[in-house]
């Protein structure tokens, strides 16, 4: 099976560490079912939005549509936020922007809309 690799950049506004995101993603039944996983990059302490240094690497089957990937990311983030706040507070809208560098590297920038 062919896989597509995305670099993940998490906004500090999400209050989610790359390690928390990777653990939640890799433990989720729906992501295991499609054989998609997240690994921390060597630069997990990188500043948000540095286009060269992302926090995590997401590997997904190449056949998976972008909208499905975005929905899975949002679901994992919402679960993490609810777990941290111990409440069913109104969900803030999560914004995902995909950029492609000249070398072909794809970066998913994840933040919250105000």
Protein backbone atom coordinates (compact mmCIF):
# COMPACT_ATOMS: atom_id res chain seq x y z
CA UNK A 1 0.00 0.00 0.00
CA UNK A 2 1.26 3.49 -0.84
CA UNK A 3 1.35 6.11 1.90
CA UNK A 4 1.33 9.89 1.88
CA UNK A 5 3.35 11.82 4.45
CA UNK A 6 2.20 15.11 5.98
CA UNK A 7 4.10 17.30 8.40
CA UNK A 8 1.81 18.46 11.22
CA UNK A 9 2.20 21.91 12.82
CA UNK A 10 0.02 22.35 15.93
CA UNK A 11 -0.84 25.86 17.09
CA UNK A 12 -0.02 26.61 20.74
CA UNK A 13 -3.65 27.87 20.99
CA UNK A 14 -4.82 24.26 20.86
CA UNK A 15 -3.05 23.54 24.16
CA UNK A 16 -2.09 20.11 22.84
CA UNK A 17 1.48 18.88 22.71
CA UNK A 18 2.77 16.95 19.71
CA UNK A 19 3.19 13.92 22.02
CA UNK A 20 -0.45 14.13 23.18
CA UNK A 21 -1.65 14.42 19.58
CA UNK A 22 0.50 11.47 18.44
CA UNK A 23 -0.65 9.28 21.34
CA UNK A 24 -4.34 10.12 20.83
CA UNK A 25 -4.11 9.61 17.07
CA UNK A 26 -2.33 6.27 17.37
CA UNK A 27 -4.77 5.02 20.04
CA UNK A 28 -7.95 5.98 18.14
CA UNK A 29 -9.82 3.01 16.70
CA UNK A 30 -10.77 4.87 13.52
CA UNK A 31 -7.15 5.77 12.68
CA UNK A 32 -5.85 2.28 13.45
CA UNK A 33 -8.55 0.83 11.22
CA UNK A 34 -7.23 2.75 8.20
CA UNK A 35 -3.58 2.09 9.11
CA UNK A 36 -2.63 5.76 9.58
CA UNK A 37 -0.12 6.79 12.22
CA UNK A 38 1.68 9.80 13.67
CA UNK A 39 5.28 9.96 14.76
CA UNK A 40 7.03 12.84 16.46
CA UNK A 41 9.56 14.57 14.29
CA UNK A 42 13.10 15.24 15.44
CA UNK A 43 12.13 18.90 15.81
CA UNK A 44 9.13 18.54 18.10
CA UNK A 45 10.16 21.68 20.00
CA UNK A 46 10.06 23.79 16.84
CA UNK A 47 8.24 27.08 16.76
CA UNK A 48 4.69 27.00 15.39
CA UNK A 49 4.41 27.74 11.69
CA UNK A 50 8.09 27.32 10.91
CA UNK A 51 7.60 25.83 7.44
CA UNK A 52 10.74 23.72 7.76
CA UNK A 53 10.22 22.28 11.24
CA UNK A 54 6.89 20.64 11.99
CA UNK A 55 5.91 18.93 15.24
CA UNK A 56 4.83 15.53 13.95
CA UNK A 57 4.70 13.37 10.85
CA UNK A 58 1.38 11.87 9.75
CA UNK A 59 1.44 8.84 7.48
CA UNK A 60 -1.86 7.93 5.80
CA UNK A 61 -2.86 5.62 2.96
CA UNK A 62 -2.46 7.51 -0.33
CA UNK A 63 -6.07 6.68 -1.23
CA UNK A 64 -7.48 8.64 1.74
CA UNK A 65 -9.15 11.92 0.74
CA UNK A 66 -8.01 15.20 2.32
CA UNK A 67 -11.47 15.77 3.78
CA UNK A 68 -11.31 12.39 5.56
CA UNK A 69 -7.88 13.24 6.99
CA UNK A 70 -9.12 16.64 8.20
CA UNK A 71 -12.18 15.05 9.84
CA UNK A 72 -9.99 12.53 11.67
CA UNK A 73 -7.62 15.27 12.88
CA UNK A 74 -10.55 17.37 14.15
CA UNK A 75 -12.07 14.37 15.91
CA UNK A 76 -8.81 13.54 17.71
CA UNK A 77 -8.28 17.18 18.76
CA UNK A 78 -11.86 17.54 20.05
CA UNK A 79 -11.50 14.35 22.12
CA UNK A 80 -8.22 15.60 23.60
CA UNK A 81 -9.71 19.00 24.46
CA UNK A 82 -12.76 17.44 26.11
CA UNK A 83 -10.53 15.09 28.09
CA UNK A 84 -8.36 18.00 29.28
CA UNK A 85 -11.27 20.25 30.29
CA UNK A 86 -13.43 17.41 31.67
CA UNK A 87 -16.47 19.07 30.13
CA UNK A 88 -18.63 19.21 27.08
CA UNK A 89 -17.88 22.89 26.50
CA UNK A 90 -18.85 24.31 23.13
CA UNK A 91 -16.34 23.24 20.53
CA UNK A 92 -14.26 25.88 18.85
CA UNK A 93 -13.88 25.54 15.12
CA UNK A 94 -10.60 23.91 14.16
CA UNK A 95 -8.96 25.33 11.07
CA UNK A 96 -6.61 23.22 8.94
CA UNK A 97 -4.52 24.77 6.20
CA UNK A 98 -2.53 22.64 3.81
CA UNK A 99 0.60 24.08 2.23
CA UNK A 100 3.08 22.51 -0.13
CA UNK A 101 6.73 23.51 -0.18
CA UNK A 102 8.75 23.64 -3.39
CA UNK A 103 10.45 20.34 -2.47
CA UNK A 104 7.03 18.62 -2.37
CA UNK A 105 6.76 18.50 1.44
CA UNK A 106 3.14 18.89 2.54
CA UNK A 107 2.41 20.65 5.82
CA UNK A 108 -0.92 20.67 7.65
CA UNK A 109 -1.14 23.75 9.86
CA UNK A 110 -3.74 23.22 12.60
CA UNK A 111 -5.16 26.06 14.68
CA UNK A 112 -8.47 27.37 16.03
CA UNK A 113 -10.68 30.02 14.50
CA UNK A 114 -11.70 32.71 16.94
